[in-house]
Amino acid sequence: MPAYVYVLRSAITGQHYIGATRDLQAKIARHNNTTAMLSRPGGPLECVYVEVCESLDAARSRERYLKSPDGVDEKIRILYTATARPKK
């Protein structure tokens, strides 16, 4: 079953969050629900990057890599590309 590695960006602070899930739409909705925003202020989060993986284990492994010191260069490239896109 496919899974996703995603990057969300705060519309207010510009901070990024990297995660992994099988249900991308539900996960984004959970991140943006009122309770979550009260505990983690930063406003609505928008999805700026998605990568499809063959399994949840593969997606979580990729997420850990991007959050690790070894993955920092690739994470910077992803974030730069994601934030450099023109707004629609």
Protein backbone atom coordinates (compact mmCIF):
# COMPACT_ATOMS: atom_id res chain seq x y z
CA MET A 1 0.00 0.00 0.00
CA PRO A 2 1.52 3.38 -0.96
CA ALA A 3 2.45 5.97 1.63
CA TYR A 4 3.66 9.55 1.49
CA VAL A 5 6.43 11.72 2.86
CA TYR A 6 5.22 15.29 2.98
CA VAL A 7 6.40 18.77 3.89
CA LEU A 8 3.94 21.26 5.34
CA ARG A 9 4.70 24.97 5.66
CA SER A 10 3.11 27.39 8.12
CA ALA A 11 1.37 30.24 6.33
CA ILE A 12 2.24 32.55 9.24
CA THR A 13 5.75 31.63 10.42
CA GLY A 14 7.12 29.90 7.32
CA GLN A 15 8.31 26.98 9.47
CA HIS A 16 8.26 23.51 7.93
CA TYR A 17 7.08 20.15 9.22
CA ILE A 18 8.12 16.83 7.65
CA GLY A 19 5.99 13.74 8.18
CA ALA A 20 4.88 10.39 6.74
CA THR A 21 1.40 8.91 6.35
CA ARG A 22 -0.81 6.61 4.31
CA ASP A 23 -3.72 9.09 4.16
CA LEU A 24 -2.33 12.46 3.16
CA GLN A 25 -5.60 14.42 3.08
CA ALA A 26 -6.65 13.19 6.54
CA LYS A 27 -3.21 13.94 7.99
CA ILE A 28 -3.20 17.50 6.65
CA ALA A 29 -6.72 18.01 8.02
CA ARG A 30 -5.56 16.78 11.46
CA HIS A 31 -2.60 19.17 11.38
CA ASN A 32 -4.94 22.04 10.54
CA ASN A 33 -7.72 21.31 13.04
CA THR A 34 -8.36 23.95 15.68
CA THR A 35 -7.04 21.89 18.61
CA ALA A 36 -3.72 21.19 16.90
CA MET A 37 -3.29 24.85 15.96
CA LEU A 38 -3.91 25.91 19.57
CA SER A 39 -1.18 23.60 20.83
CA ARG A 40 1.19 24.51 17.98
CA PRO A 41 0.50 28.07 16.85
CA GLY A 42 1.62 28.96 13.36
CA GLY A 43 -1.63 29.14 11.51
CA PRO A 44 -2.84 27.01 8.68
CA LEU A 45 -0.33 24.63 7.14
CA GLU A 46 -0.05 24.12 3.41
CA CYS A 47 1.43 21.07 1.74
CA VAL A 48 4.45 22.18 -0.31
CA TYR A 49 6.02 18.79 -1.13
CA VAL A 50 4.85 15.18 -1.46
CA GLU A 51 6.87 12.07 -2.23
CA VAL A 52 5.21 8.69 -2.89
CA CYS A 53 6.78 5.61 -1.27
CA GLU A 54 5.88 1.95 -1.70
CA SER A 55 5.06 1.37 1.99
CA LEU A 56 4.63 3.20 5.28
CA ASP A 57 7.92 1.71 6.51
CA ALA A 58 9.69 3.15 3.45
CA ALA A 59 8.02 6.54 3.97
CA ARG A 60 9.02 6.63 7.65
CA SER A 61 12.57 5.67 6.76
CA ARG A 62 12.69 8.50 4.21
CA GLU A 63 11.21 10.92 6.77
CA ARG A 64 13.91 9.96 9.31
CA TYR A 65 16.60 10.42 6.65
CA LEU A 66 15.37 13.90 5.73
CA LYS A 67 15.35 14.87 9.41
CA SER A 68 18.85 13.47 10.01
CA PRO A 69 22.20 15.25 9.59
CA ASP A 70 22.92 13.01 6.56
CA GLY A 71 19.77 14.24 4.80
CA VAL A 72 20.17 17.95 5.49
CA ASP A 73 21.44 18.87 2.00
CA GLU A 74 18.54 17.12 0.32
CA LYS A 75 16.07 18.62 2.79
CA ILE A 76 17.41 22.11 2.02
CA ARG A 77 17.04 21.45 -1.72
CA ILE A 78 13.45 20.26 -1.22
CA LEU A 79 12.56 23.24 0.97
CA TYR A 80 14.19 25.72 -1.39
CA THR A 81 12.37 24.24 -4.38
CA ALA A 82 9.07 24.11 -2.45
CA THR A 83 9.28 27.71 -1.26
CA ALA A 84 10.55 29.05 -4.59
CA ARG A 85 7.41 27.94 -6.45
CA PRO A 86 5.19 30.78 -7.63
CA LYS A 87 1.88 31.11 -5.79
CA LYS A 88 -1.25 30.26 -7.77
